[in-house]
Amino acid sequence: MNTDTRETDRLIASDKVEGTAVYNNQDERLGTVERFMVDKATGQVEYAVLSFGGLFGVGQKHYPLPWRALTYDTDKGGYVVNLTRDQIEGAPSYDNEADRPVYDRDYGTRIYDYYGLTYI
């Protein structure tokens, strides 16, 4: 696929976001964007699911981050969050697809509250 159809100055295709590195303000690489979750009704991205920890995919945890908490940094070629590694490790997470949460309003409120944001 032609790169021009997958990225513009303000839009990017989902397959180019998946696998993108996520850093904190201390330049520590926290993990990668495994996927993002889109609201079916509004079309807005609500979460980026951060894949963090483990080795070769074993023992990885998944951390839903509010999309608004991420800022793209062109110099890093990745996203930056204003969080420490300890804050990520203490955040709501799940280990595998079998224990993936139900992304309902209660869960959204819990996730956004953890990161100090208002769930809309």
PDB file of N, CA and C in Angstrom:
ATOM      1  N   MET A   1       0.841  -1.184   0.000  1.00  0.00           N
ATOM      2  CA  MET A   1       0.000   0.000   0.000  1.00  0.00           C
ATOM      3  C   MET A   1       0.879   1.238   0.000  1.00  0.00           C
ATOM      4  N   ASN A   2       0.519   2.218  -0.754  1.00  0.00           N
ATOM      5  CA  ASN A   2       1.239   3.469  -0.842  1.00  0.00           C
ATOM      6  C   ASN A   2       1.194   4.187   0.508  1.00  0.00           C
ATOM      7  N   THR A   3       2.365   4.625   0.989  1.00  0.00           N
ATOM      8  CA  THR A   3       2.447   5.321   2.272  1.00  0.00           C
ATOM      9  C   THR A   3       1.571   6.560   2.294  1.00  0.00           C
ATOM     10  N   ASP A   4       1.434   7.242   1.162  1.00  0.00           N
ATOM     11  CA  ASP A   4       0.634   8.459   1.115  1.00  0.00           C
ATOM     12  C   ASP A   4      -0.819   8.199   1.502  1.00  0.00           C
ATOM     13  N   THR A   5      -1.330   7.004   1.279  1.00  0.00           N
ATOM     14  CA  THR A   5      -2.709   6.701   1.641  1.00  0.00           C
ATOM     15  C   THR A   5      -2.825   6.233   3.088  1.00  0.00           C
ATOM     16  N   ARG A   6      -1.706   6.002   3.751  1.00  0.00           N
ATOM     17  CA  ARG A   6      -1.728   5.511   5.128  1.00  0.00           C
ATOM     18  C   ARG A   6      -1.354   6.568   6.156  1.00  0.00           C
ATOM     19  N   GLU A   7      -0.858   7.721   5.684  1.00  0.00           N
ATOM     20  CA  GLU A   7      -0.492   8.770   6.625  1.00  0.00           C
ATOM     21  C   GLU A   7      -0.481  10.112   5.915  1.00  0.00           C
ATOM     22  N   THR A   8      -1.075  11.091   6.584  1.00  0.00           N
ATOM     23  CA  THR A   8      -1.031  12.467   6.101  1.00  0.00           C
ATOM     24  C   THR A   8      -0.439  13.308   7.210  1.00  0.00           C
ATOM     25  N   ASP A   9      -0.462  14.617   7.047  1.00  0.00           N
ATOM     26  CA  ASP A   9       0.081  15.471   8.109  1.00  0.00           C
ATOM     27  C   ASP A   9      -0.744  15.414   9.386  1.00  0.00           C
ATOM     28  N   ARG A  10      -2.023  14.995   9.304  1.00  0.00           N
ATOM     29  CA  ARG A  10      -2.822  14.924  10.532  1.00  0.00           C
ATOM     30  C   ARG A  10      -3.518  13.594  10.771  1.00  0.00           C
ATOM     31  N   LEU A  11      -3.493  12.671   9.814  1.00  0.00           N
ATOM     32  CA  LEU A  11      -4.133  11.370   9.983  1.00  0.00           C
ATOM     33  C   LEU A  11      -3.128  10.242   9.784  1.00  0.00           C
ATOM     34  N   ILE A  12      -3.395   9.122  10.462  1.00  0.00           N
ATOM     35  CA  ILE A  12      -2.538   7.951  10.323  1.00  0.00           C
ATOM     36  C   ILE A  12      -3.413   6.706  10.323  1.00  0.00           C
ATOM     37  N   ALA A  13      -3.063   5.734   9.535  1.00  0.00           N
ATOM     38  CA  ALA A  13      -3.812   4.482   9.460  1.00  0.00           C
ATOM     39  C   ALA A  13      -3.554   3.648  10.720  1.00  0.00           C
ATOM     40  N   SER A  14      -4.558   2.888  11.119  1.00  0.00           N
ATOM     41  CA  SER A  14      -4.458   2.107  12.350  1.00  0.00           C
ATOM     42  C   SER A  14      -3.279   1.139  12.331  1.00  0.00           C
ATOM     43  N   ASP A  15      -2.981   0.536  11.182  1.00  0.00           N
ATOM     44  CA  ASP A  15      -1.886  -0.426  11.145  1.00  0.00           C
ATOM     45  C   ASP A  15      -0.525   0.229  11.341  1.00  0.00           C
ATOM     46  N   LYS A  16      -0.443   1.543  11.187  1.00  0.00           N
ATOM     47  CA  LYS A  16       0.805   2.247  11.457  1.00  0.00           C
ATOM     48  C   LYS A  16       0.921   2.646  12.929  1.00  0.00           C
ATOM     49  N   VAL A  17      -0.195   2.674  13.654  1.00  0.00           N
ATOM     50  CA  VAL A  17      -0.176   3.004  15.078  1.00  0.00           C
ATOM     51  C   VAL A  17       0.189   1.767  15.898  1.00  0.00           C
ATOM     52  N   GLU A  18      -0.356   0.624  15.520  1.00  0.00           N
ATOM     53  CA  GLU A  18      -0.080  -0.619  16.240  1.00  0.00           C
ATOM     54  C   GLU A  18       1.410  -0.922  16.165  1.00  0.00           C
ATOM     55  N   GLY A  19       2.003  -1.181  17.333  1.00  0.00           N
ATOM     56  CA  GLY A  19       3.436  -1.454  17.407  1.00  0.00           C
ATOM     57  C   GLY A  19       4.282  -0.229  17.678  1.00  0.00           C
ATOM     58  N   THR A  20       3.656   0.948  17.712  1.00  0.00           N
ATOM     59  CA  THR A  20       4.394   2.181  17.974  1.00  0.00           C
ATOM     60  C   THR A  20       4.807   2.231  19.445  1.00  0.00           C
ATOM     61  N   ALA A  21       6.031   2.650  19.694  1.00  0.00           N
ATOM     62  CA  ALA A  21       6.564   2.728  21.051  1.00  0.00           C
ATOM     63  C   ALA A  21       5.857   3.797  21.870  1.00  0.00           C
ATOM     64  N   VAL A  22       5.786   3.537  23.192  1.00  0.00           N
ATOM     65  CA  VAL A  22       5.242   4.501  24.147  1.00  0.00           C
ATOM     66  C   VAL A  22       6.326   4.763  25.188  1.00  0.00           C
ATOM     67  N   TYR A  23       6.618   6.035  25.415  1.00  0.00           N
ATOM     68  CA  TYR A  23       7.651   6.473  26.345  1.00  0.00           C
ATOM     69  C   TYR A  23       7.012   7.324  27.440  1.00  0.00           C
ATOM     70  N   ASN A  24       7.751   7.472  28.546  1.00  0.00           N
ATOM     71  CA  ASN A  24       7.317   8.447  29.547  1.00  0.00           C
ATOM     72  C   ASN A  24       8.194   9.688  29.413  1.00  0.00           C
ATOM     73  N   ASN A  25       7.963  10.678  30.257  1.00  0.00           N
ATOM     74  CA  ASN A  25       8.724  11.931  30.170  1.00  0.00           C
ATOM     75  C   ASN A  25      10.185  11.772  30.577  1.00  0.00           C
ATOM     76  N   GLN A  26      10.529  10.631  31.165  1.00  0.00           N
ATOM     77  CA  GLN A  26      11.915  10.359  31.530  1.00  0.00           C
ATOM     78  C   GLN A  26      12.633   9.596  30.410  1.00  0.00           C
ATOM     79  N   ASP A  27      12.002   9.533  29.228  1.00  0.00           N
ATOM     80  CA  ASP A  27      12.538   8.832  28.052  1.00  0.00           C
ATOM     81  C   ASP A  27      12.684   7.330  28.242  1.00  0.00           C
ATOM     82  N   GLU A  28      11.942   6.762  29.205  1.00  0.00           N
ATOM     83  CA  GLU A  28      11.917   5.309  29.363  1.00  0.00           C
ATOM     84  C   GLU A  28      10.879   4.742  28.405  1.00  0.00           C
ATOM     85  N   ARG A  29      11.245   3.705  27.691  1.00  0.00           N
ATOM     86  CA  ARG A  29      10.275   3.038  26.829  1.00  0.00           C
ATOM     87  C   ARG A  29       9.412   2.144  27.713  1.00  0.00           C
ATOM     88  N   LEU A  30       8.109   2.410  27.711  1.00  0.00           N
ATOM     89  CA  LEU A  30       7.182   1.670  28.566  1.00  0.00           C
ATOM     90  C   LEU A  30       6.588   0.445  27.879  1.00  0.00           C
ATOM     91  N   GLY A  31       6.516   0.460  26.580  1.00  0.00           N
ATOM     92  CA  GLY A  31       5.917  -0.640  25.845  1.00  0.00           C
ATOM     93  C   GLY A  31       5.512  -0.169  24.470  1.00  0.00           C
ATOM     94  N   THR A  32       4.535  -0.857  23.883  1.00  0.00           N
ATOM     95  CA  THR A  32       4.062  -0.486  22.554  1.00  0.00           C
ATOM     96  C   THR A  32       2.537  -0.483  22.517  1.00  0.00           C
ATOM     97  N   VAL A  33       2.001   0.249  21.569  1.00  0.00           N
ATOM     98  CA  VAL A  33       0.563   0.245  21.346  1.00  0.00           C
ATOM     99  C   VAL A  33       0.230  -1.077  20.663  1.00  0.00           C
ATOM    100  N   GLU A  34      -0.537  -1.904  21.350  1.00  0.00           N
ATOM    101  CA  GLU A  34      -0.939  -3.186  20.767  1.00  0.00           C
ATOM    102  C   GLU A  34      -2.150  -3.010  19.866  1.00  0.00           C
ATOM    103  N   ARG A  35      -3.070  -2.191  20.317  1.00  0.00           N
ATOM    104  CA  ARG A  35      -4.281  -1.905  19.555  1.00  0.00           C
ATOM    105  C   ARG A  35      -4.904  -0.657  20.151  1.00  0.00           C
ATOM    106  N   PHE A  36      -5.904  -0.160  19.481  1.00  0.00           N
ATOM    107  CA  PHE A  36      -6.692   0.879  20.120  1.00  0.00           C
ATOM    108  C   PHE A  36      -8.154   0.540  19.973  1.00  0.00           C
ATOM    109  N   MET A  37      -8.932   1.069  20.905  1.00  0.00           N
ATOM    110  CA  MET A  37     -10.349   0.761  20.984  1.00  0.00           C
ATOM    111  C   MET A  37     -11.128   2.003  20.553  1.00  0.00           C
ATOM    112  N   VAL A  38     -12.034   1.794  19.585  1.00  0.00           N
ATOM    113  CA  VAL A  38     -12.797   2.882  18.984  1.00  0.00           C
ATOM    114  C   VAL A  38     -14.261   2.755  19.385  1.00  0.00           C
ATOM    115  N   ASP A  39     -14.865   3.862  19.800  1.00  0.00           N
ATOM    116  CA  ASP A  39     -16.290   3.887  20.109  1.00  0.00           C
ATOM    117  C   ASP A  39     -17.054   3.706  18.801  1.00  0.00           C
ATOM    118  N   LYS A  40     -17.897   2.695  18.750  1.00  0.00           N
ATOM    119  CA  LYS A  40     -18.633   2.389  17.516  1.00  0.00           C
ATOM    120  C   LYS A  40     -19.582   3.515  17.106  1.00  0.00           C
ATOM    121  N   ALA A  41     -20.186   4.166  18.072  1.00  0.00           N
ATOM    122  CA  ALA A  41     -21.181   5.196  17.760  1.00  0.00           C
ATOM    123  C   ALA A  41     -20.541   6.511  17.334  1.00  0.00           C
ATOM    124  N   THR A  42     -19.480   6.930  18.032  1.00  0.00           N
ATOM    125  CA  THR A  42     -18.892   8.236  17.737  1.00  0.00           C
ATOM    126  C   THR A  42     -17.709   8.166  16.781  1.00  0.00           C
ATOM    127  N   GLY A  43     -17.079   6.996  16.699  1.00  0.00           N
ATOM    128  CA  GLY A  43     -15.889   6.858  15.866  1.00  0.00           C
ATOM    129  C   GLY A  43     -14.631   7.395  16.526  1.00  0.00           C
ATOM    130  N   GLN A  44     -14.739   7.800  17.785  1.00  0.00           N
ATOM    131  CA  GLN A  44     -13.596   8.354  18.504  1.00  0.00           C
ATOM    132  C   GLN A  44     -12.791   7.244  19.179  1.00  0.00           C
ATOM    133  N   VAL A  45     -11.469   7.378  19.160  1.00  0.00           N
ATOM    134  CA  VAL A  45     -10.612   6.437  19.870  1.00  0.00           C
ATOM    135  C   VAL A  45     -10.723   6.737  21.353  1.00  0.00           C
ATOM    136  N   GLU A  46     -11.012   5.706  22.152  1.00  0.00           N
ATOM    137  CA  GLU A  46     -11.108   5.892  23.601  1.00  0.00           C
ATOM    138  C   GLU A  46      -9.859   5.424  24.319  1.00  0.00           C
ATOM    139  N   TYR A  47      -9.284   4.318  23.864  1.00  0.00           N
ATOM    140  CA  TYR A  47      -8.130   3.744  24.555  1.00  0.00           C
ATOM    141  C   TYR A  47      -7.063   3.322  23.575  1.00  0.00           C
ATOM    142  N   ALA A  48      -5.821   3.420  24.019  1.00  0.00           N
ATOM    143  CA  ALA A  48      -4.715   2.720  23.390  1.00  0.00           C
ATOM    144  C   ALA A  48      -4.374   1.608  24.374  1.00  0.00           C
ATOM    145  N   VAL A  49      -4.292   0.384  23.918  1.00  0.00           N
ATOM    146  CA  VAL A  49      -3.930  -0.719  24.804  1.00  0.00           C
ATOM    147  C   VAL A  49      -2.425  -0.883  24.714  1.00  0.00           C
ATOM    148  N   LEU A  50      -1.752  -0.570  25.822  1.00  0.00           N
ATOM    149  CA  LEU A  50      -0.307  -0.658  25.927  1.00  0.00           C
ATOM    150  C   LEU A  50       0.089  -2.074  26.295  1.00  0.00           C
ATOM    151  N   SER A  51       0.977  -2.659  25.523  1.00  0.00           N
ATOM    152  CA  SER A  51       1.536  -3.959  25.842  1.00  0.00           C
ATOM    153  C   SER A  51       2.864  -3.701  26.534  1.00  0.00           C
ATOM    154  N   PHE A  52       3.030  -4.264  27.729  1.00  0.00           N
ATOM    155  CA  PHE A  52       4.160  -3.906  28.580  1.00  0.00           C
ATOM    156  C   PHE A  52       4.650  -5.127  29.339  1.00  0.00           C
ATOM    157  N   GLY A  53       5.952  -5.253  29.455  1.00  0.00           N
ATOM    158  CA  GLY A  53       6.546  -6.321  30.248  1.00  0.00           C
ATOM    159  C   GLY A  53       6.646  -7.627  29.493  1.00  0.00           C
ATOM    160  N   GLY A  54       7.103  -8.630  30.190  1.00  0.00           N
ATOM    161  CA  GLY A  54       7.221  -9.953  29.597  1.00  0.00           C
ATOM    162  C   GLY A  54       8.420 -10.060  28.677  1.00  0.00           C
ATOM    163  N   LEU A  55       8.557 -11.240  28.094  1.00  0.00           N
ATOM    164  CA  LEU A  55       9.656 -11.521  27.197  1.00  0.00           C
ATOM    165  C   LEU A  55       9.126 -12.338  26.038  1.00  0.00           C
ATOM    166  N   PHE A  56       9.322 -11.851  24.824  1.00  0.00           N
ATOM    167  CA  PHE A  56       8.843 -12.523  23.613  1.00  0.00           C
ATOM    168  C   PHE A  56       7.341 -12.809  23.668  1.00  0.00           C
ATOM    169  N   GLY A  57       6.586 -11.877  24.248  1.00  0.00           N
ATOM    170  CA  GLY A  57       5.140 -12.023  24.301  1.00  0.00           C
ATOM    171  C   GLY A  57       4.635 -12.841  25.478  1.00  0.00           C
ATOM    172  N   VAL A  58       5.531 -13.479  26.226  1.00  0.00           N
ATOM    173  CA  VAL A  58       5.128 -14.273  27.391  1.00  0.00           C
ATOM    174  C   VAL A  58       5.207 -13.387  28.628  1.00  0.00           C
ATOM    175  N   GLY A  59       4.121 -13.359  29.391  1.00  0.00           N
ATOM    176  CA  GLY A  59       4.093 -12.565  30.612  1.00  0.00           C
ATOM    177  C   GLY A  59       3.764 -11.098  30.389  1.00  0.00           C
ATOM    178  N   GLN A  60       3.400 -10.747  29.161  1.00  0.00           N
ATOM    179  CA  GLN A  60       3.024  -9.360  28.906  1.00  0.00           C
ATOM    180  C   GLN A  60       1.709  -9.028  29.589  1.00  0.00           C
ATOM    181  N   LYS A  61       1.618  -7.778  30.019  1.00  0.00           N
ATOM    182  CA  LYS A  61       0.358  -7.271  30.552  1.00  0.00           C
ATOM    183  C   LYS A  61      -0.149  -6.215  29.585  1.00  0.00           C
ATOM    184  N   HIS A  62      -1.439  -5.988  29.642  1.00  0.00           N
ATOM    185  CA  HIS A  62      -2.093  -5.041  28.755  1.00  0.00           C
ATOM    186  C   HIS A  62      -2.741  -3.961  29.602  1.00  0.00           C
ATOM    187  N   TYR A  63      -2.421  -2.709  29.288  1.00  0.00           N
ATOM    188  CA  TYR A  63      -2.885  -1.562  30.048  1.00  0.00           C
ATOM    189  C   TYR A  63      -3.672  -0.621  29.141  1.00  0.00           C
ATOM    190  N   PRO A  64      -4.985  -0.564  29.296  1.00  0.00           N
ATOM    191  CA  PRO A  64      -5.751   0.419  28.528  1.00  0.00           C
ATOM    192  C   PRO A  64      -5.433   1.832  29.025  1.00  0.00           C
ATOM    193  N   LEU A  65      -4.969   2.678  28.120  1.00  0.00           N
ATOM    194  CA  LEU A  65      -4.664   4.072  28.451  1.00  0.00           C
ATOM    195  C   LEU A  65      -5.656   4.972  27.717  1.00  0.00           C
ATOM    196  N   PRO A  66      -6.189   5.968  28.382  1.00  0.00           N
ATOM    197  CA  PRO A  66      -7.040   6.909  27.658  1.00  0.00           C
ATOM    198  C   PRO A  66      -6.253   7.512  26.499  1.00  0.00           C
ATOM    199  N   TRP A  67      -6.855   7.515  25.337  1.00  0.00           N
ATOM    200  CA  TRP A  67      -6.176   8.030  24.150  1.00  0.00           C
ATOM    201  C   TRP A  67      -5.687   9.459  24.366  1.00  0.00           C
ATOM    202  N   ARG A  68      -6.482  10.244  25.109  1.00  0.00           N
ATOM    203  CA  ARG A  68      -6.109  11.643  25.374  1.00  0.00           C
ATOM    204  C   ARG A  68      -4.852  11.766  26.221  1.00  0.00           C
ATOM    205  N   ALA A  69      -4.406  10.684  26.861  1.00  0.00           N
ATOM    206  CA  ALA A  69      -3.213  10.733  27.699  1.00  0.00           C
ATOM    207  C   ALA A  69      -1.930  10.618  26.875  1.00  0.00           C
ATOM    208  N   LEU A  70      -2.052  10.267  25.599  1.00  0.00           N
ATOM    209  CA  LEU A  70      -0.889  10.081  24.742  1.00  0.00           C
ATOM    210  C   LEU A  70      -0.682  11.289  23.832  1.00  0.00           C
ATOM    211  N   THR A  71       0.568  11.648  23.663  1.00  0.00           N
ATOM    212  CA  THR A  71       0.952  12.721  22.747  1.00  0.00           C
ATOM    213  C   THR A  71       2.010  12.167  21.815  1.00  0.00           C
ATOM    214  N   TYR A  72       1.823  12.376  20.518  1.00  0.00           N
ATOM    215  CA  TYR A  72       2.808  11.868  19.570  1.00  0.00           C
ATOM    216  C   TYR A  72       4.017  12.791  19.520  1.00  0.00           C
ATOM    217  N   ASP A  73       5.212  12.209  19.604  1.00  0.00           N
ATOM    218  CA  ASP A  73       6.464  12.950  19.557  1.00  0.00           C
ATOM    219  C   ASP A  73       7.202  12.549  18.277  1.00  0.00           C
ATOM    220  N   THR A  74       7.294  13.461  17.333  1.00  0.00           N
ATOM    221  CA  THR A  74       7.917  13.133  16.046  1.00  0.00           C
ATOM    222  C   THR A  74       9.397  12.819  16.199  1.00  0.00           C
ATOM    223  N   ASP A  75      10.078  13.444  17.160  1.00  0.00           N
ATOM    224  CA  ASP A  75      11.501  13.159  17.367  1.00  0.00           C
ATOM    225  C   ASP A  75      11.731  11.725  17.848  1.00  0.00           C
ATOM    226  N   LYS A  76      10.823  11.235  18.687  1.00  0.00           N
ATOM    227  CA  LYS A  76      10.946   9.869  19.205  1.00  0.00           C
ATOM    228  C   LYS A  76      10.340   8.850  18.244  1.00  0.00           C
ATOM    229  N   GLY A  77       9.442   9.315  17.395  1.00  0.00           N
ATOM    230  CA  GLY A  77       8.733   8.387  16.521  1.00  0.00           C
ATOM    231  C   GLY A  77       7.798   7.500  17.322  1.00  0.00           C
ATOM    232  N   GLY A  78       7.316   8.048  18.436  1.00  0.00           N
ATOM    233  CA  GLY A  78       6.417   7.297  19.309  1.00  0.00           C
ATOM    234  C   GLY A  78       5.575   8.228  20.154  1.00  0.00           C
ATOM    235  N   TYR A  79       4.770   7.612  21.006  1.00  0.00           N
ATOM    236  CA  TYR A  79       3.883   8.366  21.881  1.00  0.00           C
ATOM    237  C   TYR A  79       4.534   8.586  23.238  1.00  0.00           C
ATOM    238  N   VAL A  80       4.179   9.686  23.884  1.00  0.00           N
ATOM    239  CA  VAL A  80       4.691  10.019  25.210  1.00  0.00           C
ATOM    240  C   VAL A  80       3.508  10.172  26.147  1.00  0.00           C
ATOM    241  N   VAL A  81       3.652   9.610  27.349  1.00  0.00           N
ATOM    242  CA  VAL A  81       2.649   9.768  28.394  1.00  0.00           C
ATOM    243  C   VAL A  81       3.312  10.390  29.610  1.00  0.00           C
ATOM    244  N   ASN A  82       2.566  11.174  30.351  1.00  0.00           N
ATOM    245  CA  ASN A  82       3.076  11.826  31.551  1.00  0.00           C
ATOM    246  C   ASN A  82       2.863  10.905  32.745  1.00  0.00           C
ATOM    247  N   LEU A  83       3.521   9.740  32.701  1.00  0.00           N
ATOM    248  CA  LEU A  83       3.373   8.720  33.736  1.00  0.00           C
ATOM    249  C   LEU A  83       4.725   8.099  34.038  1.00  0.00           C
ATOM    250  N   THR A  84       4.893   7.653  35.264  1.00  0.00           N
ATOM    251  CA  THR A  84       6.099   6.909  35.603  1.00  0.00           C
ATOM    252  C   THR A  84       5.866   5.424  35.354  1.00  0.00           C
ATOM    253  N   ARG A  85       6.920   4.684  35.325  1.00  0.00           N
ATOM    254  CA  ARG A  85       6.813   3.230  35.175  1.00  0.00           C
ATOM    255  C   ARG A  85       5.970   2.644  36.317  1.00  0.00           C
ATOM    256  N   ASP A  86       6.166   3.149  37.540  1.00  0.00           N
ATOM    257  CA  ASP A  86       5.389   2.657  38.685  1.00  0.00           C
ATOM    258  C   ASP A  86       3.895   2.926  38.515  1.00  0.00           C
ATOM    259  N   GLN A  87       3.549   4.085  37.967  1.00  0.00           N
ATOM    260  CA  GLN A  87       2.135   4.394  37.739  1.00  0.00           C
ATOM    261  C   GLN A  87       1.526   3.423  36.727  1.00  0.00           C
ATOM    262  N   ILE A  88       2.264   3.105  35.678  1.00  0.00           N
ATOM    263  CA  ILE A  88       1.773   2.139  34.698  1.00  0.00           C
ATOM    264  C   ILE A  88       1.621   0.773  35.351  1.00  0.00           C
ATOM    265  N   GLU A  89       2.625   0.341  36.089  1.00  0.00           N
ATOM    266  CA  GLU A  89       2.573  -0.988  36.703  1.00  0.00           C
ATOM    267  C   GLU A  89       1.427  -1.114  37.700  1.00  0.00           C
ATOM    268  N   GLY A  90       0.992   0.004  38.310  1.00  0.00           N
ATOM    269  CA  GLY A  90      -0.116  -0.023  39.264  1.00  0.00           C
ATOM    270  C   GLY A  90      -1.478   0.220  38.631  1.00  0.00           C
ATOM    271  N   ALA A  91      -1.497   0.439  37.337  1.00  0.00           N
ATOM    272  CA  ALA A  91      -2.743   0.769  36.634  1.00  0.00           C
ATOM    273  C   ALA A  91      -3.593  -0.470  36.393  1.00  0.00           C
ATOM    274  N   PRO A  92      -4.882  -0.269  36.168  1.00  0.00           N
ATOM    275  CA  PRO A  92      -5.751  -1.394  35.780  1.00  0.00           C
ATOM    276  C   PRO A  92      -5.187  -2.064  34.526  1.00  0.00           C
ATOM    277  N   SER A  93      -5.148  -3.395  34.558  1.00  0.00           N
ATOM    278  CA  SER A  93      -4.565  -4.140  33.442  1.00  0.00           C
ATOM    279  C   SER A  93      -5.185  -5.521  33.361  1.00  0.00           C
ATOM    280  N   TYR A  94      -4.813  -6.234  32.313  1.00  0.00           N
ATOM    281  CA  TYR A  94      -5.187  -7.639  32.191  1.00  0.00           C
ATOM    282  C   TYR A  94      -4.026  -8.386  31.560  1.00  0.00           C
ATOM    283  N   ASP A  95      -3.978  -9.703  31.831  1.00  0.00           N
ATOM    284  CA  ASP A  95      -2.838 -10.502  31.394  1.00  0.00           C
ATOM    285  C   ASP A  95      -2.984 -11.057  29.988  1.00  0.00           C
ATOM    286  N   ASN A  96      -4.174 -11.502  29.635  1.00  0.00           N
ATOM    287  CA  ASN A  96      -4.345 -12.128  28.329  1.00  0.00           C
ATOM    288  C   ASN A  96      -5.767 -11.906  27.837  1.00  0.00           C
ATOM    289  N   GLU A  97      -6.022 -12.367  26.645  1.00  0.00           N
ATOM    290  CA  GLU A  97      -7.335 -12.160  26.039  1.00  0.00           C
ATOM    291  C   GLU A  97      -8.452 -12.833  26.832  1.00  0.00           C
ATOM    292  N   ALA A  98      -8.133 -13.904  27.542  1.00  0.00           N
ATOM    293  CA  ALA A  98      -9.152 -14.623  28.308  1.00  0.00           C
ATOM    294  C   ALA A  98      -9.692 -13.779  29.468  1.00  0.00           C
ATOM    295  N   ASP A  99      -8.858 -12.904  30.025  1.00  0.00           N
ATOM    296  CA  ASP A  99      -9.338 -12.069  31.137  1.00  0.00           C
ATOM    297  C   ASP A  99      -9.495 -10.604  30.724  1.00  0.00           C
ATOM    298  N   ARG A 100      -9.633 -10.367  29.412  1.00  0.00           N
ATOM    299  CA  ARG A 100      -9.848  -9.010  28.906  1.00  0.00           C
ATOM    300  C   ARG A 100     -11.120  -8.443  29.526  1.00  0.00           C
ATOM    301  N   PRO A 101     -11.088  -7.185  29.935  1.00  0.00           N
ATOM    302  CA  PRO A 101     -12.261  -6.583  30.593  1.00  0.00           C
ATOM    303  C   PRO A 101     -13.396  -6.317  29.615  1.00  0.00           C
ATOM    304  N   VAL A 102     -14.550  -6.062  30.183  1.00  0.00           N
ATOM    305  CA  VAL A 102     -15.686  -5.584  29.406  1.00  0.00           C
ATOM    306  C   VAL A 102     -15.534  -4.068  29.362  1.00  0.00           C
ATOM    307  N   TYR A 103     -15.375  -3.529  28.181  1.00  0.00           N
ATOM    308  CA  TYR A 103     -15.190  -2.091  28.031  1.00  0.00           C
ATOM    309  C   TYR A 103     -16.536  -1.377  28.101  1.00  0.00           C
ATOM    310  N   ASP A 104     -17.093  -1.321  29.305  1.00  0.00           N
ATOM    311  CA  ASP A 104     -18.368  -0.637  29.493  1.00  0.00           C
ATOM    312  C   ASP A 104     -18.130   0.695  30.197  1.00  0.00           C
ATOM    313  N   ARG A 105     -19.196   1.401  30.497  1.00  0.00           N
ATOM    314  CA  ARG A 105     -19.083   2.731  31.114  1.00  0.00           C
ATOM    315  C   ARG A 105     -18.387   2.673  32.479  1.00  0.00           C
ATOM    316  N   ASP A 106     -18.702   1.674  33.304  1.00  0.00           N
ATOM    317  CA  ASP A 106     -18.061   1.557  34.617  1.00  0.00           C
ATOM    318  C   ASP A 106     -16.553   1.365  34.477  1.00  0.00           C
ATOM    319  N   TYR A 107     -16.168   0.499  33.544  1.00  0.00           N
ATOM    320  CA  TYR A 107     -14.743   0.260  33.335  1.00  0.00           C
ATOM    321  C   TYR A 107     -14.064   1.525  32.804  1.00  0.00           C
ATOM    322  N   GLY A 108     -14.707   2.194  31.863  1.00  0.00           N
ATOM    323  CA  GLY A 108     -14.151   3.434  31.323  1.00  0.00           C
ATOM    324  C   GLY A 108     -13.941   4.478  32.397  1.00  0.00           C
ATOM    325  N   THR A 109     -14.921   4.608  33.273  1.00  0.00           N
ATOM    326  CA  THR A 109     -14.808   5.570  34.373  1.00  0.00           C
ATOM    327  C   THR A 109     -13.638   5.205  35.270  1.00  0.00           C
ATOM    328  N   ARG A 110     -13.489   3.938  35.582  1.00  0.00           N
ATOM    329  CA  ARG A 110     -12.387   3.484  36.437  1.00  0.00           C
ATOM    330  C   ARG A 110     -11.027   3.776  35.794  1.00  0.00           C
ATOM    331  N   ILE A 111     -10.901   3.493  34.503  1.00  0.00           N
ATOM    332  CA  ILE A 111      -9.635   3.738  33.802  1.00  0.00           C
ATOM    333  C   ILE A 111      -9.327   5.233  33.770  1.00  0.00           C
ATOM    334  N   TYR A 112     -10.283   6.022  33.326  1.00  0.00           N
ATOM    335  CA  TYR A 112     -10.049   7.460  33.209  1.00  0.00           C
ATOM    336  C   TYR A 112      -9.777   8.085  34.580  1.00  0.00           C
ATOM    337  N   ASP A 113     -10.494   7.651  35.616  1.00  0.00           N
ATOM    338  CA  ASP A 113     -10.240   8.163  36.978  1.00  0.00           C
ATOM    339  C   ASP A 113      -8.812   7.868  37.410  1.00  0.00           C
ATOM    340  N   TYR A 114      -8.321   6.675  37.111  1.00  0.00           N
ATOM    341  CA  TYR A 114      -6.948   6.314  37.501  1.00  0.00           C
ATOM    342  C   TYR A 114      -5.950   7.310  36.915  1.00  0.00           C
ATOM    343  N   TYR A 115      -6.190   7.720  35.693  1.00  0.00           N
ATOM    344  CA  TYR A 115      -5.260   8.636  35.026  1.00  0.00           C
ATOM    345  C   TYR A 115      -5.623  10.101  35.219  1.00  0.00           C
ATOM    346  N   GLY A 116      -6.613  10.390  36.093  1.00  0.00           N
ATOM    347  CA  GLY A 116      -6.962  11.775  36.407  1.00  0.00           C
ATOM    348  C   GLY A 116      -7.709  12.491  35.296  1.00  0.00           C
ATOM    349  N   LEU A 117      -8.415  11.729  34.461  1.00  0.00           N
ATOM    350  CA  LEU A 117      -9.175  12.304  33.356  1.00  0.00           C
ATOM    351  C   LEU A 117     -10.665  12.012  33.555  1.00  0.00           C
ATOM    352  N   THR A 118     -11.494  12.803  32.920  1.00  0.00           N
ATOM    353  CA  THR A 118     -12.929  12.612  32.995  1.00  0.00           C
ATOM    354  C   THR A 118     -13.386  11.759  31.825  1.00  0.00           C
ATOM    355  N   TYR A 119     -14.110  10.693  32.145  1.00  0.00           N
ATOM    356  CA  TYR A 119     -14.656   9.830  31.105  1.00  0.00           C
ATOM    357  C   TYR A 119     -15.905  10.494  30.563  1.00  0.00           C
ATOM    358  N   ILE A 120     -15.934  10.690  29.276  1.00  0.00           N
ATOM    359  CA  ILE A 120     -17.067  11.395  28.652  1.00  0.00           C
ATOM    360  C   ILE A 120     -18.091  10.396  28.166  1.00  0.00           C
TER     361      ILE A 120
END
